Protein backbone atom coordinates (compact mmCIF):
# COMPACT_ATOMS: atom_id res chain seq x y z
CA MET A 1 194.49 117.49 67.92
CA LYS A 2 192.51 120.53 68.99
CA LEU A 3 191.08 122.02 65.78
CA ALA A 4 189.15 125.21 64.98
CA MET A 5 187.12 125.25 61.75
CA VAL A 6 186.11 128.81 60.81
CA THR A 7 183.40 129.88 58.37
CA GLU A 8 180.84 132.66 58.08
CA PHE A 9 177.85 130.33 58.42
CA SER A 10 177.35 126.78 59.60
CA VAL A 11 175.12 123.75 59.17
CA PRO A 12 172.23 123.31 59.91
CA HIS A 13 171.47 127.03 59.81
CA TYR A 14 172.92 127.42 56.31
CA ALA A 15 174.00 124.65 53.96
CA GLY A 16 176.01 126.04 51.05
CA GLY A 17 178.72 123.91 49.47
CA GLY A 18 181.47 125.21 51.74
CA GLU A 19 179.38 124.73 54.84
CA ARG A 20 178.46 121.22 53.74
CA ARG A 21 182.14 120.42 53.30
CA TYR A 22 183.06 121.63 56.80
CA PHE A 23 180.12 119.76 58.30
CA GLU A 24 181.00 116.45 56.68
CA LEU A 25 184.71 116.75 57.49
CA SER A 26 184.31 118.14 61.01
CA LYS A 27 182.06 115.36 62.25
CA ARG A 28 184.39 112.74 60.78
CA LEU A 29 187.45 114.36 62.34
CA ALA A 30 185.62 114.42 65.69
CA GLY A 31 184.78 110.76 65.16
CA ARG A 32 188.48 110.06 64.66
CA GLY A 33 189.22 111.43 68.13
CA HIS A 34 190.03 115.08 67.43
CA ASP A 35 188.64 117.95 69.53
CA VAL A 36 186.83 120.01 66.87
CA THR A 37 185.24 123.43 67.34
CA TRP A 38 183.36 125.09 64.48
CA VAL A 39 183.36 128.89 64.76
CA SER A 40 180.87 130.95 62.74
CA MET A 41 178.66 134.02 62.89
CA ARG A 42 175.46 134.03 64.94
CA GLN A 43 172.65 132.92 62.63
CA GLY A 44 168.96 133.57 63.14
CA THR A 45 167.90 132.51 66.61
CA CYS A 46 170.60 129.88 67.16
CA PRO A 47 172.25 129.75 70.62
CA ASP A 48 175.85 130.89 70.98
CA THR A 49 177.00 127.36 71.78
CA GLU A 50 175.79 124.03 70.39
CA ILE A 51 177.07 120.49 69.89
CA SER A 52 176.33 118.72 66.61
CA ASP A 53 177.60 115.25 65.67
CA GLY A 54 180.41 115.54 68.21
CA VAL A 55 181.45 118.99 66.95
CA LYS A 56 181.40 121.99 69.31
CA MET A 57 179.69 124.96 67.67
CA ARG A 58 180.61 128.51 68.72
CA HIS A 59 178.64 131.39 67.19
CA ILE A 60 180.20 134.82 67.66
CA GLY A 61 180.06 138.35 66.28
CA PRO A 62 177.06 139.72 64.37
CA ARG A 63 173.70 137.96 64.32
CA ILE A 64 172.60 137.43 60.70
CA GLN A 65 168.83 137.18 60.40
CA GLN A 66 168.39 136.84 56.64
CA LEU A 67 171.05 134.41 55.51
CA PRO A 68 173.28 134.81 53.56
CA TYR A 69 172.87 138.59 53.34
CA ARG A 70 175.32 140.56 55.46
CA THR A 71 176.49 144.16 55.47
CA ALA A 72 179.99 145.62 55.39
CA GLY A 73 179.56 146.48 59.05
CA GLN A 74 178.73 142.86 59.86
CA PHE A 75 181.82 141.68 57.99
CA LEU A 76 183.95 144.04 60.10
CA HIS A 77 182.15 143.02 63.30
CA TYR A 78 182.91 139.36 62.61
CA GLN A 79 186.61 140.01 62.01
CA VAL A 80 186.89 141.86 65.32
CA ALA A 81 185.03 139.03 67.07
CA LEU A 82 187.42 136.45 65.58
CA LEU A 83 190.48 138.39 66.75
CA ARG A 84 189.05 138.54 70.25
CA TYR A 85 188.08 134.88 70.23
CA PHE A 86 191.48 133.56 69.18
CA SER A 87 193.26 135.84 71.64
CA THR A 88 191.68 133.76 74.44
CA HIS A 89 191.24 130.32 72.82
CA ARG A 90 194.22 128.16 71.90
CA TYR A 91 194.14 125.54 69.13
CA ASP A 92 196.70 123.26 67.52
CA LEU A 93 195.49 124.44 64.11
CA ILE A 94 192.93 126.79 62.51
CA ASP A 95 191.22 125.88 59.21
CA VAL A 96 189.51 128.88 57.59
CA GLN A 97 187.13 129.32 54.66
CA PRO A 98 186.97 132.55 52.56
CA PHE A 99 186.20 135.35 52.50
CA SER A 100 185.69 137.52 55.58
CA PRO A 101 187.30 135.18 58.17
CA LEU A 102 190.60 134.88 56.30
CA LEU A 103 192.29 138.13 57.23
CA ALA A 104 191.33 138.13 60.92
CA CYS A 105 192.32 134.49 61.36
CA PHE A 106 195.61 135.06 59.55
CA VAL A 107 196.47 137.92 61.91
CA ALA A 108 195.38 135.87 64.93
CA SER A 109 197.41 132.86 63.81
CA LYS A 110 200.55 134.98 63.56
CA LEU A 111 200.01 136.77 66.86
CA MET A 112 199.13 133.61 68.77
CA LYS A 113 201.58 131.39 66.86
CA MET A 114 198.98 128.87 65.69
CA PRO A 115 199.33 127.23 62.25
CA MET A 116 196.54 128.07 59.81
CA VAL A 117 195.06 126.35 56.77
CA ALA A 118 193.30 128.51 54.17
CA SER A 119 190.70 126.32 52.43
CA ILE A 120 190.27 127.83 48.96
CA TYR A 121 187.41 126.50 46.86
CA ASP A 122 187.72 128.36 43.58
CA VAL A 123 189.18 131.37 41.80
CA ALA A 124 187.16 134.12 40.12
CA GLY A 125 187.01 133.97 36.34
CA ALA A 126 185.36 136.15 33.76
CA ASP A 127 181.91 135.38 35.12
CA GLU A 128 181.97 137.40 38.33
CA ASP A 129 178.49 136.89 39.67
CA GLN A 130 178.63 135.08 42.99
CA TRP A 131 177.42 136.65 46.24
CA LEU A 132 180.60 138.58 46.91
CA ASP A 133 181.53 139.37 43.31
CA SER A 134 179.20 142.31 42.92
CA GLY A 135 181.26 145.32 41.94
CA ARG A 136 184.35 143.13 41.56
CA ILE A 137 184.70 142.91 45.31
CA GLY A 138 185.34 139.18 45.12
CA ARG A 139 188.19 139.49 42.65
CA ILE A 140 189.85 142.29 44.61
CA ALA A 141 189.49 140.27 47.82
CA GLU A 142 191.07 137.26 46.16
CA LYS A 143 194.07 139.22 44.93
CA VAL A 144 194.81 140.35 48.46
CA LEU A 145 193.71 137.41 50.59
CA TYR A 146 194.89 134.49 48.49
CA ARG A 147 198.46 135.79 48.45
CA LEU A 148 198.88 135.96 52.23
CA PRO A 149 201.58 133.58 53.54
CA TYR A 150 199.35 131.02 55.26
CA SER A 151 200.93 127.94 56.79
CA THR A 152 199.41 126.02 53.91
CA MET A 153 196.47 126.16 51.50
CA VAL A 154 194.02 123.35 50.80
CA THR A 155 192.11 123.25 47.52
CA ILE A 156 189.20 121.00 46.61
CA SER A 157 189.79 120.42 42.90
CA ASP A 158 192.60 120.14 40.39
CA SER A 159 191.18 123.19 38.60
CA ALA A 160 191.34 125.37 41.72
CA ARG A 161 194.90 124.26 42.42
CA ASP A 162 195.98 125.05 38.86
CA ALA A 163 194.26 128.46 38.96
CA LEU A 164 195.88 129.44 42.25
CA HIS A 165 199.28 128.55 40.84
CA THR A 166 198.73 130.20 37.44
CA ASN A 167 196.77 133.31 38.46
CA TYR A 168 198.48 134.13 41.75
CA GLY A 169 201.85 132.43 41.48
CA ILE A 170 201.35 130.28 44.58
CA PRO A 171 203.91 127.45 44.56
CA ARG A 172 202.34 124.03 44.07
CA SER A 173 204.29 122.85 47.11
CA ARG A 174 202.04 125.06 49.28
CA LEU A 175 198.81 123.74 47.72
CA GLN A 176 197.32 120.57 49.16
CA LEU A 177 194.52 118.86 47.22
CA VAL A 178 191.66 117.31 49.21
CA TYR A 179 188.56 116.55 47.16
CA CYS A 180 185.01 117.01 48.38
CA GLY A 181 182.80 113.97 48.35
CA ALA A 182 179.49 112.28 48.96
CA ASP A 183 178.19 110.39 51.97
CA ILE A 184 177.69 107.15 50.07
CA ALA A 185 176.43 105.06 52.98
CA THR A 186 173.80 107.64 53.94
CA ILE A 187 172.71 108.13 50.34
CA ASP A 188 172.22 104.38 49.94
CA SER A 189 169.99 104.34 53.01
CA ILE A 190 167.59 106.98 51.63
CA ALA A 191 164.65 105.83 49.54
CA PRO A 192 163.56 107.84 46.49
CA ALA A 193 160.85 110.41 47.20
CA ALA A 194 157.29 109.22 46.72
CA GLY A 195 155.52 109.75 43.42
CA LYS A 196 156.28 109.41 39.75
CA PRO A 197 159.93 109.82 38.65
CA THR A 198 161.05 113.36 37.83
CA ASP A 199 162.68 113.80 34.44
CA VAL A 200 165.16 116.56 35.32
CA ILE A 201 166.21 118.21 38.58
CA PHE A 202 168.21 121.28 39.57
CA VAL A 203 169.72 121.60 43.05
CA GLY A 204 171.63 124.70 44.15
CA ARG A 205 171.49 128.30 45.24
CA LEU A 206 169.24 130.48 43.12
CA ALA A 207 172.14 132.85 42.49
CA PRO A 208 173.22 134.45 39.19
CA ASN A 209 176.21 132.17 38.56
CA LYS A 210 173.99 129.06 38.78
CA HIS A 211 171.97 130.20 35.72
CA VAL A 212 168.80 128.42 36.75
CA ASP A 213 167.13 130.47 33.99
CA ASP A 214 169.01 128.24 31.53
CA PHE A 215 167.53 125.22 33.31
CA VAL A 216 164.07 126.69 32.70
CA ASP A 217 164.92 127.24 29.03
CA VAL A 218 166.05 123.61 28.74
CA VAL A 219 162.75 122.40 30.17
CA ALA A 220 160.85 124.63 27.72
CA ARG A 221 162.76 123.08 24.82
CA LEU A 222 162.26 119.54 26.12
CA LYS A 223 158.53 120.18 26.42
CA GLN A 224 158.30 120.59 22.66
CA THR A 225 159.27 116.91 22.26
CA ILE A 226 158.11 115.56 25.63
CA PRO A 227 154.83 117.38 26.41
CA ALA A 228 154.54 115.76 29.85
CA ILE A 229 158.09 116.70 30.89
CA SER A 230 158.50 117.02 34.67
CA ALA A 231 161.14 119.09 36.45
CA ILE A 232 162.00 120.10 40.00
CA ILE A 233 164.05 123.05 41.28
CA ILE A 234 165.44 122.83 44.82
CA GLY A 235 167.11 125.88 46.34
CA HIS A 236 166.59 129.46 47.38
CA GLY A 237 168.32 132.76 46.77
CA PRO A 238 168.04 136.21 45.20
CA MET A 239 166.99 134.91 41.79
CA GLU A 240 163.82 133.19 43.06
CA PRO A 241 161.34 136.01 42.23
CA THR A 242 162.80 136.36 38.73
CA LEU A 243 162.77 132.60 38.30
CA ARG A 244 159.08 132.29 39.19
CA LYS A 245 158.19 135.08 36.76
CA LEU A 246 160.15 133.32 34.02
CA ILE A 247 158.35 130.03 34.67
CA ASP A 248 155.00 131.84 34.46
CA ALA A 249 156.02 133.67 31.28
CA LYS A 250 156.96 130.40 29.59
CA ASP A 251 153.77 128.70 30.82
CA LEU A 252 155.74 126.01 32.69
CA ARG A 253 153.94 126.07 36.03
CA VAL A 254 152.72 122.49 35.51
CA ALA A 255 156.06 121.20 34.22
CA ILE A 256 158.34 122.78 36.85
CA LYS A 257 157.85 122.56 40.60
CA VAL A 258 159.93 125.00 42.66
CA LEU A 259 160.37 123.33 46.04
CA GLY A 260 162.53 126.09 47.52
CA LYS A 261 164.82 125.27 50.44
CA LEU A 262 164.38 121.80 51.92
CA GLU A 263 165.33 121.78 55.60
CA ARG A 264 166.56 118.17 55.64
CA HIS A 265 169.36 117.21 53.27
CA ASP A 266 167.96 113.67 53.25
CA ASP A 267 164.90 115.10 51.48
CA VAL A 268 167.15 116.63 48.81
CA ILE A 269 168.80 113.26 48.23
CA ALA A 270 165.40 111.57 48.06
CA GLU A 271 164.36 113.95 45.27
CA ILE A 272 167.62 113.37 43.39
CA ARG A 273 167.15 109.62 43.65
CA LYS A 274 163.66 109.98 42.17
CA SER A 275 165.01 111.89 39.16
CA ARG A 276 166.26 110.62 35.81
CA LEU A 277 169.04 113.19 35.44
CA LEU A 278 170.46 116.28 37.13
CA ILE A 279 171.28 119.50 35.31
CA LEU A 280 173.66 122.09 36.80
CA PRO A 281 174.03 125.04 34.38
CA SER A 282 176.49 126.89 36.62
CA THR A 283 179.38 128.92 35.23
CA ARG A 284 181.36 128.94 38.48
CA GLU A 285 181.82 126.00 40.84
CA GLY A 286 184.52 125.19 43.33
CA PHE A 287 183.66 121.51 43.07
CA GLY A 288 179.95 120.87 42.69
CA ILE A 289 179.09 118.57 45.60
CA VAL A 290 175.63 117.94 44.16
CA LEU A 291 177.30 116.43 41.08
CA ALA A 292 179.07 113.87 43.25
CA GLU A 293 175.84 113.19 45.13
CA ALA A 294 173.97 112.62 41.88
CA GLY A 295 176.74 110.23 40.85
CA ALA A 296 176.35 108.37 44.13
CA CYS A 297 172.61 108.16 43.40
CA GLY A 298 173.42 106.56 40.06
CA ILE A 299 171.97 109.24 37.81
CA PRO A 300 173.89 111.02 35.02
CA VAL A 301 174.53 114.76 35.13
CA LEU A 302 174.64 117.56 32.60
CA ALA A 303 176.68 120.69 33.26
CA TYR A 304 178.52 123.59 31.71
CA ARG A 305 182.26 123.32 31.30
CA CYS A 306 183.86 125.26 34.14
CA PRO A 307 186.56 124.67 36.78
CA GLY A 308 185.46 122.26 39.47
CA VAL A 309 182.80 120.61 37.32
CA ILE A 310 185.37 119.11 34.96
CA ASP A 311 187.04 117.41 37.92
CA VAL A 312 183.83 115.70 39.02
CA VAL A 313 182.10 114.79 35.76
CA GLU A 314 183.76 112.58 33.16
CA ASP A 315 182.37 113.95 29.89
CA GLY A 316 180.68 111.29 27.78
CA VAL A 317 181.09 108.70 30.55
CA SER A 318 179.21 109.80 33.69
CA GLY A 319 177.38 112.67 32.00
CA PHE A 320 177.79 115.41 29.43
CA ILE A 321 179.67 118.71 29.72
CA VAL A 322 178.79 121.44 27.21
CA PRO A 323 180.16 124.95 26.59
CA PRO A 324 178.93 127.61 29.05
CA ARG A 325 175.53 129.15 28.24
CA ASP A 326 174.96 126.79 25.30
CA VAL A 327 171.37 126.00 26.19
CA GLY A 328 170.76 124.29 22.86
CA ARG A 329 173.45 121.67 23.41
CA LEU A 330 172.35 121.24 27.01
CA ALA A 331 168.79 120.52 25.87
CA THR A 332 169.98 118.17 23.12
CA ALA A 333 172.06 116.16 25.59
CA ALA A 334 169.15 116.01 28.05
CA LEU A 335 166.78 114.78 25.34
CA GLN A 336 169.28 112.13 24.28
CA LEU A 337 169.48 110.76 27.82
CA LEU A 338 165.75 110.92 28.48
CA GLN A 339 165.02 109.00 25.28
CA ASN A 340 167.74 106.37 25.80
CA ASP A 341 167.21 104.31 28.95
CA LYS A 342 170.27 102.14 28.29
CA LEU A 343 172.64 105.10 27.90
CA ARG A 344 171.18 106.79 30.96
CA HIS A 345 171.66 103.64 33.03
CA THR A 346 175.22 103.11 31.74
CA MET A 347 176.21 106.67 32.61
CA GLY A 348 174.56 106.40 36.01
CA VAL A 349 176.58 103.28 36.81
CA ALA A 350 179.78 104.99 35.62
CA GLY A 351 179.03 108.01 37.81
CA ARG A 352 178.52 105.80 40.84
CA ARG A 353 181.82 104.01 40.27
CA ARG A 354 183.65 107.33 39.83
CA VAL A 355 182.33 108.62 43.16
CA GLU A 356 183.25 105.38 44.91
CA ARG A 357 186.81 105.63 43.56
CA ARG A 358 187.48 109.33 44.12
CA PHE A 359 184.87 111.27 46.06
CA SER A 360 183.97 109.94 49.49
CA TRP A 361 183.87 112.12 52.62
CA ASP A 362 185.54 109.38 54.64
CA ALA A 363 188.58 109.43 52.33
CA ALA A 364 188.59 113.24 52.33
CA ALA A 365 188.65 113.35 56.14
CA VAL A 366 191.64 111.00 56.26
CA ALA A 367 193.47 113.06 53.63
CA LEU A 368 192.80 116.31 55.50
CA GLU A 369 193.93 114.72 58.75
CA HIS A 370 197.24 113.86 57.11
CA VAL A 371 197.65 117.50 56.03
CA TYR A 372 196.97 118.69 59.59
CA LEU A 373 199.35 116.20 61.17
CA SER A 374 202.16 117.11 58.79
CA MET A 375 201.68 120.79 59.64
CA THR A 376 201.69 120.34 63.40
CA VAL A 377 204.80 118.16 63.23
CA THR A 378 206.53 120.83 61.14
CA ASN A 379 205.35 123.56 63.52
CA ASP A 380 206.61 121.66 66.58
CA GLY A 381 209.95 121.18 64.92
């Protein structure tokens, strides 16, 4: 099949959860013999065409210098560029990630009679604080874009599928579930980072919905019982200046190391493997790939109860899930695991087994391929 995967940004220039998903799936689909082109905006100084892991990369439209920040004009520029691109490039199927590419690709798919998959990661809830949710833009966009009659929609968690059906009335028959995963073989080949083990680690965008400030508060509470507590924060984003000020204000500069953005994902995995447990105090997640990766590394995870997370973490088995913004319970659970080696090991083993059973990228690629094949057969008929 000749496939077009469409996002705003692409790996290795930007590696958010959605981009990571497309990267892992695209290279596996190419490895299975499909002709895969990944279309995205121009990013930094990247060339307009590249090849990565067998995937053709085409960068069009506006050139974004400070990822992921883009203006309304750049959104519009990209939609026009997509319409032009698909008017001259034919594919058996287009797979598109929200938000800005959806409308243009939907129009192009109808005009050029190409089937289209809308890959929907999550649905806005009460906590509207992701990149695009400022001023309720994200929720308004969802109400319009998620209801368009795409050929089919793929979701990445049971929670997202249920929300799309409940909130927007999309029939379950139009919603295909394909989980995200972890690259288990690669993770097993990566040694833990050098140095003493880290007690707790956070990995993710430093964005409001990730609530990394709660992670800092947890470390401050743990320090009262474990004076030599060690923590690492990996990620970058708009909250970084505020985060550093908070760490200084709580006198945690020795306890918490902010590593920022690590260019190589292998280095992220190496830091996770060196850690005793991972904490993700996010209140909005489509899936939480880092949770699956921590499971593959054999370390337990702590997280807030929210859609996506509850599909990955088995509460009380592979980690603990606590009510959103309940820093006290998060700290209590972390202390329990740090002081109980046997429980921490047991949960780590359970997390590894859960990932092996449900969350591998190889299995996800096969499942997505089946969705594509069923669509093209239907379209040909």
